[in-house]
Amino acid sequence: MYIPEHFRVRDQADAVGFMRANPFAILVSSTGEGPFATHLPLVIRENGEQLMLRGHVAKANPHWKHLEQNPGNTLAIFHGPHAYISPANYTTREVVPTWNYGAVHAYGNAQVFSAPEDLLSILHDLIPMFEPAYAEQWASLSQPYRERMLSHIVGFEIPVTRIEAKFKLSQNRTKDEQANVIHSLSASHDTIVSGVADLMREQGLGKQDQGLGKLGLEKKE
């Protein structure tokens, strides 16, 4: 990913926080016929300095075969809020429109598995993330039904070997212009657009009396 230095995220905690806040990722693998992509939720685990991505795909989805046959250089793309930025937000006239956004690319070597106990461990990660109350319903389902559902998925883990993180959030503009962008985006009823304003505040851009955002990242002092 092309990252000009003023848009590069250097703090891995910020990158991981963004990944956790936007867990619905795009998994990309190389195949003999070109790139193959799947949209899916991923669990992000940290063990010391090692970052691990975990998830599963339908057995009918050939992506698990690509992971098994070519595990190296697997890419997971985490994408978050994004918004068009109008030149009207700038104090100078000779400017052009642009787009603000956040994105994290995580690379690693995939490991595929289908043992029921390993698949259950992924479900036990995913359910608390998205609907803790569903754990009781899952436990109440018949054993044959649960076994049948597990037989239809294949799990994978990706120990992350490299992260590229980019927050393109008007860091190359003045504080006043950043404040104008935040004010403009905050007025939108589209949470994808207003989410960019939140992320800009979280990164300490604009004027900090505008308040903190809602993406779950801590304010950088």
C-alpha atoms as a PDB file:
ATOM      1  CA  MET A   1       0.000   0.000   0.000  1.00  0.00           C
ATOM      2  CA  TYR A   2       1.316   3.430  -0.929  1.00  0.00           C
ATOM      3  CA  ILE A   3       1.705   5.471   2.277  1.00  0.00           C
ATOM      4  CA  PRO A   4       3.102   9.023   2.263  1.00  0.00           C
ATOM      5  CA  GLU A   5       4.965   9.512   5.532  1.00  0.00           C
ATOM      6  CA  HIS A   6       2.518  12.012   7.042  1.00  0.00           C
ATOM      7  CA  PHE A   7      -0.299   9.435   6.630  1.00  0.00           C
ATOM      8  CA  ARG A   8       1.649   6.487   8.035  1.00  0.00           C
ATOM      9  CA  VAL A   9       0.432   5.007  11.346  1.00  0.00           C
ATOM     10  CA  ARG A  10       3.546   4.297  13.398  1.00  0.00           C
ATOM     11  CA  ASP A  11       1.904   3.183  16.630  1.00  0.00           C
ATOM     12  CA  GLN A  12       0.853  -0.460  16.282  1.00  0.00           C
ATOM     13  CA  ALA A  13      -1.660   0.018  19.094  1.00  0.00           C
ATOM     14  CA  ASP A  14      -3.528   2.491  16.882  1.00  0.00           C
ATOM     15  CA  ALA A  15      -3.477   0.015  13.989  1.00  0.00           C
ATOM     16  CA  VAL A  16      -4.717  -2.860  16.166  1.00  0.00           C
ATOM     17  CA  GLY A  17      -7.404  -0.641  17.698  1.00  0.00           C
ATOM     18  CA  PHE A  18      -8.600   0.228  14.199  1.00  0.00           C
ATOM     19  CA  MET A  19      -8.671  -3.465  13.226  1.00  0.00           C
ATOM     20  CA  ARG A  20     -10.723  -4.335  16.309  1.00  0.00           C
ATOM     21  CA  ALA A  21     -13.137  -1.480  15.601  1.00  0.00           C
ATOM     22  CA  ASN A  22     -13.528  -2.646  11.978  1.00  0.00           C
ATOM     23  CA  PRO A  23     -13.300  -6.466  12.107  1.00  0.00           C
ATOM     24  CA  PHE A  24     -15.189  -7.128   8.860  1.00  0.00           C
ATOM     25  CA  ALA A  25     -12.178  -7.522   6.590  1.00  0.00           C
ATOM     26  CA  ILE A  26     -11.262  -8.580   3.054  1.00  0.00           C
ATOM     27  CA  LEU A  27      -9.067 -11.685   2.922  1.00  0.00           C
ATOM     28  CA  VAL A  28      -6.955 -11.868  -0.247  1.00  0.00           C
ATOM     29  CA  SER A  29      -4.929 -14.808  -1.556  1.00  0.00           C
ATOM     30  CA  SER A  30      -2.847 -15.317  -4.686  1.00  0.00           C
ATOM     31  CA  THR A  31      -3.936 -18.092  -7.048  1.00  0.00           C
ATOM     32  CA  GLY A  32      -2.887 -19.316 -10.467  1.00  0.00           C
ATOM     33  CA  GLU A  33      -5.837 -17.414 -11.907  1.00  0.00           C
ATOM     34  CA  GLY A  34      -5.152 -14.174 -10.033  1.00  0.00           C
ATOM     35  CA  PRO A  35      -6.182 -12.710  -6.660  1.00  0.00           C
ATOM     36  CA  PHE A  36      -9.081 -14.326  -4.781  1.00  0.00           C
ATOM     37  CA  ALA A  37     -10.939 -12.345  -2.091  1.00  0.00           C
ATOM     38  CA  THR A  38     -13.464 -13.142   0.626  1.00  0.00           C
ATOM     39  CA  HIS A  39     -15.316 -10.651   2.857  1.00  0.00           C
ATOM     40  CA  LEU A  40     -15.525 -11.954   6.421  1.00  0.00           C
ATOM     41  CA  PRO A  41     -15.194 -11.070  10.131  1.00  0.00           C
ATOM     42  CA  LEU A  42     -11.832 -11.744  11.760  1.00  0.00           C
ATOM     43  CA  VAL A  43     -10.787 -12.187  15.367  1.00  0.00           C
ATOM     44  CA  ILE A  44      -7.654 -10.244  16.325  1.00  0.00           C
ATOM     45  CA  ARG A  45      -5.548 -11.799  19.073  1.00  0.00           C
ATOM     46  CA  GLU A  46      -2.388 -10.419  20.646  1.00  0.00           C
ATOM     47  CA  ASN A  47       0.168 -12.606  22.381  1.00  0.00           C
ATOM     48  CA  GLY A  48       3.007 -10.338  23.395  1.00  0.00           C
ATOM     49  CA  GLU A  49       4.310  -8.848  20.164  1.00  0.00           C
ATOM     50  CA  GLN A  50       2.697 -11.552  17.996  1.00  0.00           C
ATOM     51  CA  LEU A  51      -0.555 -10.620  16.312  1.00  0.00           C
ATOM     52  CA  MET A  52      -2.864 -13.434  15.183  1.00  0.00           C
ATOM     53  CA  LEU A  53      -5.891 -13.259  12.881  1.00  0.00           C
ATOM     54  CA  ARG A  54      -8.493 -16.038  13.154  1.00  0.00           C
ATOM     55  CA  GLY A  55     -11.608 -16.802  11.169  1.00  0.00           C
ATOM     56  CA  HIS A  56     -13.462 -19.304   9.054  1.00  0.00           C
ATOM     57  CA  VAL A  57     -14.981 -19.673   5.603  1.00  0.00           C
ATOM     58  CA  ALA A  58     -17.699 -21.929   4.234  1.00  0.00           C
ATOM     59  CA  LYS A  59     -16.350 -25.273   3.073  1.00  0.00           C
ATOM     60  CA  ALA A  60     -18.047 -24.545  -0.260  1.00  0.00           C
ATOM     61  CA  ASN A  61     -15.854 -21.443  -0.600  1.00  0.00           C
ATOM     62  CA  PRO A  62     -12.623 -22.459  -2.408  1.00  0.00           C
ATOM     63  CA  HIS A  63     -10.667 -19.832  -0.512  1.00  0.00           C
ATOM     64  CA  TRP A  64      -9.590 -22.335   2.154  1.00  0.00           C
ATOM     65  CA  LYS A  65      -7.981 -24.450  -0.583  1.00  0.00           C
ATOM     66  CA  HIS A  66      -6.048 -21.406  -1.775  1.00  0.00           C
ATOM     67  CA  LEU A  67      -4.886 -20.790   1.788  1.00  0.00           C
ATOM     68  CA  GLU A  68      -3.841 -24.422   2.116  1.00  0.00           C
ATOM     69  CA  GLN A  69      -2.045 -24.579  -1.242  1.00  0.00           C
ATOM     70  CA  ASN A  70      -0.431 -21.148  -1.094  1.00  0.00           C
ATOM     71  CA  PRO A  71      -0.330 -20.018   2.551  1.00  0.00           C
ATOM     72  CA  GLY A  72       2.383 -17.409   2.131  1.00  0.00           C
ATOM     73  CA  ASN A  73       1.692 -13.740   1.540  1.00  0.00           C
ATOM     74  CA  THR A  74      -1.926 -13.867   2.640  1.00  0.00           C
ATOM     75  CA  LEU A  75      -3.352 -10.351   2.987  1.00  0.00           C
ATOM     76  CA  ALA A  76      -6.177  -9.157   5.229  1.00  0.00           C
ATOM     77  CA  ILE A  77      -7.486  -5.654   4.494  1.00  0.00           C
ATOM     78  CA  PHE A  78      -9.282  -3.815   7.311  1.00  0.00           C
ATOM     79  CA  HIS A  79     -11.239  -0.840   6.019  1.00  0.00           C
ATOM     80  CA  GLY A  80     -13.103   1.722   8.078  1.00  0.00           C
ATOM     81  CA  PRO A  81     -14.888   5.054   7.627  1.00  0.00           C
ATOM     82  CA  HIS A  82     -14.200   7.102   4.506  1.00  0.00           C
ATOM     83  CA  ALA A  83     -15.465  10.373   3.077  1.00  0.00           C
ATOM     84  CA  TYR A  84     -15.151  12.803   0.192  1.00  0.00           C
ATOM     85  CA  ILE A  85     -13.368  16.006   1.264  1.00  0.00           C
ATOM     86  CA  SER A  86     -14.519  19.177  -0.486  1.00  0.00           C
ATOM     87  CA  PRO A  87     -12.076  22.001  -1.315  1.00  0.00           C
ATOM     88  CA  ALA A  88     -14.628  24.275   0.379  1.00  0.00           C
ATOM     89  CA  ASN A  89     -13.036  23.230   3.689  1.00  0.00           C
ATOM     90  CA  TYR A  90      -9.714  24.852   2.793  1.00  0.00           C
ATOM     91  CA  THR A  91      -8.646  28.466   3.227  1.00  0.00           C
ATOM     92  CA  THR A  92      -6.759  28.649  -0.081  1.00  0.00           C
ATOM     93  CA  ARG A  93      -8.421  28.529  -3.514  1.00  0.00           C
ATOM     94  CA  GLU A  94      -5.879  26.506  -5.508  1.00  0.00           C
ATOM     95  CA  VAL A  95      -6.760  23.103  -4.047  1.00  0.00           C
ATOM     96  CA  VAL A  96      -8.445  19.950  -5.304  1.00  0.00           C
ATOM     97  CA  PRO A  97     -10.934  17.487  -3.793  1.00  0.00           C
ATOM     98  CA  THR A  98      -9.638  14.391  -2.026  1.00  0.00           C
ATOM     99  CA  TRP A  99     -10.808  11.434   0.061  1.00  0.00           C
ATOM    100  CA  ASN A 100     -10.096  10.743   3.742  1.00  0.00           C
ATOM    101  CA  TYR A 101     -10.045   7.205   5.112  1.00  0.00           C
ATOM    102  CA  GLY A 102      -8.359   4.649   7.313  1.00  0.00           C
ATOM    103  CA  ALA A 103      -7.018   1.265   6.216  1.00  0.00           C
ATOM    104  CA  VAL A 104      -4.788  -1.457   7.650  1.00  0.00           C
ATOM    105  CA  HIS A 105      -3.140  -4.212   5.598  1.00  0.00           C
ATOM    106  CA  ALA A 106      -1.988  -7.263   7.573  1.00  0.00           C
ATOM    107  CA  TYR A 107       0.211  -9.899   5.914  1.00  0.00           C
ATOM    108  CA  GLY A 108       1.016 -13.396   7.105  1.00  0.00           C
ATOM    109  CA  ASN A 109       1.208 -17.122   6.403  1.00  0.00           C
ATOM    110  CA  ALA A 110      -2.122 -18.889   6.788  1.00  0.00           C
ATOM    111  CA  GLN A 111      -2.715 -22.181   8.582  1.00  0.00           C
ATOM    112  CA  VAL A 112      -5.929 -24.090   7.780  1.00  0.00           C
ATOM    113  CA  PHE A 113      -7.740 -26.531  10.091  1.00  0.00           C
ATOM    114  CA  SER A 114     -11.054 -28.382  10.266  1.00  0.00           C
ATOM    115  CA  ALA A 115     -10.976 -30.295  13.581  1.00  0.00           C
ATOM    116  CA  PRO A 116     -14.271 -29.670  15.453  1.00  0.00           C
ATOM    117  CA  GLU A 117     -12.522 -28.535  18.658  1.00  0.00           C
ATOM    118  CA  ASP A 118     -10.467 -25.967  16.705  1.00  0.00           C
ATOM    119  CA  LEU A 119     -13.546 -24.699  14.877  1.00  0.00           C
ATOM    120  CA  LEU A 120     -15.395 -24.387  18.186  1.00  0.00           C
ATOM    121  CA  SER A 121     -12.576 -22.237  19.562  1.00  0.00           C
ATOM    122  CA  ILE A 122     -13.112 -19.756  16.710  1.00  0.00           C
ATOM    123  CA  LEU A 123     -16.853 -19.648  17.352  1.00  0.00           C
ATOM    124  CA  HIS A 124     -16.142 -19.062  21.034  1.00  0.00           C
ATOM    125  CA  ASP A 125     -14.104 -16.030  19.948  1.00  0.00           C
ATOM    126  CA  LEU A 126     -16.624 -14.680  17.443  1.00  0.00           C
ATOM    127  CA  ILE A 127     -19.840 -15.052  19.450  1.00  0.00           C
ATOM    128  CA  PRO A 128     -18.718 -12.825  22.386  1.00  0.00           C
ATOM    129  CA  MET A 129     -17.534 -10.208  19.865  1.00  0.00           C
ATOM    130  CA  PHE A 130     -20.806  -9.840  17.990  1.00  0.00           C
ATOM    131  CA  GLU A 131     -23.650 -11.309  20.057  1.00  0.00           C
ATOM    132  CA  PRO A 132     -22.776 -12.698  23.510  1.00  0.00           C
ATOM    133  CA  ALA A 133     -26.417 -13.617  24.100  1.00  0.00           C
ATOM    134  CA  TYR A 134     -26.271 -16.096  21.213  1.00  0.00           C
ATOM    135  CA  ALA A 135     -23.909 -18.338  23.229  1.00  0.00           C
ATOM    136  CA  GLU A 136     -26.890 -19.665  25.210  1.00  0.00           C
ATOM    137  CA  GLN A 137     -28.844 -20.427  22.043  1.00  0.00           C
ATOM    138  CA  TRP A 138     -25.854 -22.162  20.420  1.00  0.00           C
ATOM    139  CA  ALA A 139     -25.355 -24.315  23.528  1.00  0.00           C
ATOM    140  CA  SER A 140     -29.029 -25.327  23.471  1.00  0.00           C
ATOM    141  CA  LEU A 141     -28.933 -26.606  19.886  1.00  0.00           C
ATOM    142  CA  SER A 142     -28.857 -30.348  19.356  1.00  0.00           C
ATOM    143  CA  GLN A 143     -25.460 -32.007  19.105  1.00  0.00           C
ATOM    144  CA  PRO A 144     -26.155 -33.384  15.590  1.00  0.00           C
ATOM    145  CA  TYR A 145     -27.123 -29.912  14.340  1.00  0.00           C
ATOM    146  CA  ARG A 146     -23.999 -28.281  15.802  1.00  0.00           C
ATOM    147  CA  GLU A 147     -21.797 -30.999  14.354  1.00  0.00           C
ATOM    148  CA  ARG A 148     -23.433 -30.546  10.964  1.00  0.00           C
ATOM    149  CA  MET A 149     -22.882 -26.787  11.049  1.00  0.00           C
ATOM    150  CA  LEU A 150     -19.228 -27.229  12.003  1.00  0.00           C
ATOM    151  CA  SER A 151     -18.760 -29.698   9.153  1.00  0.00           C
ATOM    152  CA  HIS A 152     -19.691 -26.932   6.697  1.00  0.00           C
ATOM    153  CA  ILE A 153     -16.858 -24.554   7.649  1.00  0.00           C
ATOM    154  CA  VAL A 154     -13.042 -24.516   7.546  1.00  0.00           C
ATOM    155  CA  GLY A 155     -11.031 -22.448   9.996  1.00  0.00           C
ATOM    156  CA  PHE A 156      -7.750 -20.625   9.596  1.00  0.00           C
ATOM    157  CA  GLU A 157      -5.173 -18.665  11.554  1.00  0.00           C
ATOM    158  CA  ILE A 158      -2.759 -16.067  10.196  1.00  0.00           C
ATOM    159  CA  PRO A 159       0.256 -15.136  12.338  1.00  0.00           C
ATOM    160  CA  VAL A 160       0.868 -11.574  11.143  1.00  0.00           C
ATOM    161  CA  THR A 161       4.358 -10.935   9.817  1.00  0.00           C
ATOM    162  CA  ARG A 162       3.871  -7.357   8.593  1.00  0.00           C
ATOM    163  CA  ILE A 163       1.395  -4.506   9.051  1.00  0.00           C
ATOM    164  CA  GLU A 164       0.890  -1.455   6.860  1.00  0.00           C
ATOM    165  CA  ALA A 165      -1.444   1.114   8.377  1.00  0.00           C
ATOM    166  CA  LYS A 166      -2.616   4.337   6.765  1.00  0.00           C
ATOM    167  CA  PHE A 167      -4.825   7.057   8.189  1.00  0.00           C
ATOM    168  CA  LYS A 168      -5.320   9.686   5.479  1.00  0.00           C
ATOM    169  CA  LEU A 169      -7.014  12.337   7.594  1.00  0.00           C
ATOM    170  CA  SER A 170      -5.898  15.778   6.360  1.00  0.00           C
ATOM    171  CA  GLN A 171      -2.685  15.642   8.415  1.00  0.00           C
ATOM    172  CA  ASN A 172      -1.073  17.757   5.664  1.00  0.00           C
ATOM    173  CA  ARG A 173      -3.565  20.610   6.204  1.00  0.00           C
ATOM    174  CA  THR A 174      -3.596  23.363   8.833  1.00  0.00           C
ATOM    175  CA  LYS A 175      -5.379  22.909  12.169  1.00  0.00           C
ATOM    176  CA  ASP A 176      -8.085  25.344  11.039  1.00  0.00           C
ATOM    177  CA  GLU A 177      -8.653  23.410   7.828  1.00  0.00           C
ATOM    178  CA  GLN A 178      -8.734  20.137   9.754  1.00  0.00           C
ATOM    179  CA  ALA A 179     -11.328  21.682  12.045  1.00  0.00           C
ATOM    180  CA  ASN A 180     -13.394  22.704   9.008  1.00  0.00           C
ATOM    181  CA  VAL A 181     -13.239  19.138   7.670  1.00  0.00           C
ATOM    182  CA  ILE A 182     -14.276  17.678  11.035  1.00  0.00           C
ATOM    183  CA  HIS A 183     -17.177  20.124  11.352  1.00  0.00           C
ATOM    184  CA  SER A 184     -18.363  19.378   7.810  1.00  0.00           C
ATOM    185  CA  LEU A 185     -18.185  15.592   8.183  1.00  0.00           C
ATOM    186  CA  SER A 186     -19.765  15.597  11.649  1.00  0.00           C
ATOM    187  CA  ALA A 187     -22.909  17.164  10.186  1.00  0.00           C
ATOM    188  CA  SER A 188     -23.562  14.108   8.009  1.00  0.00           C
ATOM    189  CA  HIS A 189     -26.264  11.622   8.978  1.00  0.00           C
ATOM    190  CA  ASP A 190     -24.192   8.903   7.278  1.00  0.00           C
ATOM    191  CA  THR A 191     -22.151   7.239  10.048  1.00  0.00           C
ATOM    192  CA  ILE A 192     -19.496   6.189   7.529  1.00  0.00           C
ATOM    193  CA  VAL A 193     -18.881   9.866   6.777  1.00  0.00           C
ATOM    194  CA  SER A 194     -19.177  11.163  10.350  1.00  0.00           C
ATOM    195  CA  GLY A 195     -16.935   8.281  11.430  1.00  0.00           C
ATOM    196  CA  VAL A 196     -14.056   9.972   9.608  1.00  0.00           C
ATOM    197  CA  ALA A 197     -14.566  13.050  11.801  1.00  0.00           C
ATOM    198  CA  ASP A 198     -14.471  10.776  14.867  1.00  0.00           C
ATOM    199  CA  LEU A 199     -11.236   9.160  13.692  1.00  0.00           C
ATOM    200  CA  MET A 200      -9.685  12.572  13.020  1.00  0.00           C
ATOM    201  CA  ARG A 201     -10.514  13.676  16.572  1.00  0.00           C
ATOM    202  CA  GLU A 202      -9.112  10.427  17.965  1.00  0.00           C
ATOM    203  CA  GLN A 203      -5.848  11.169  16.180  1.00  0.00           C
ATOM    204  CA  GLY A 204      -5.607  14.640  17.728  1.00  0.00           C
ATOM    205  CA  LEU A 205      -6.390  16.561  14.553  1.00  0.00           C
ATOM    206  CA  GLY A 206      -8.333  19.803  14.309  1.00  0.00           C
ATOM    207  CA  LYS A 207      -9.206  21.654  17.498  1.00  0.00           C
ATOM    208  CA  GLN A 208      -9.512  19.312  20.428  1.00  0.00           C
ATOM    209  CA  ASP A 209     -12.369  21.186  22.107  1.00  0.00           C
ATOM    210  CA  GLN A 210     -14.529  19.606  19.392  1.00  0.00           C
ATOM    211  CA  GLY A 211     -14.797  16.472  21.543  1.00  0.00           C
ATOM    212  CA  LEU A 212     -13.783  12.849  21.167  1.00  0.00           C
ATOM    213  CA  GLY A 213     -15.046  10.355  18.613  1.00  0.00           C
ATOM    214  CA  LYS A 214     -16.854   7.091  19.073  1.00  0.00           C
ATOM    215  CA  LEU A 215     -14.600   4.453  17.469  1.00  0.00           C
ATOM    216  CA  GLY A 216     -13.222   3.125  20.753  1.00  0.00           C
ATOM    217  CA  LEU A 217      -9.665   4.401  20.209  1.00  0.00           C
ATOM    218  CA  GLU A 218      -8.019   6.415  22.956  1.00  0.00           C
ATOM    219  CA  LYS A 219      -7.221  10.057  22.419  1.00  0.00           C
ATOM    220  CA  LYS A 220      -3.539  10.642  21.646  1.00  0.00           C
ATOM    221  CA  GLU A 221      -2.083  13.352  23.840  1.00  0.00           C
END
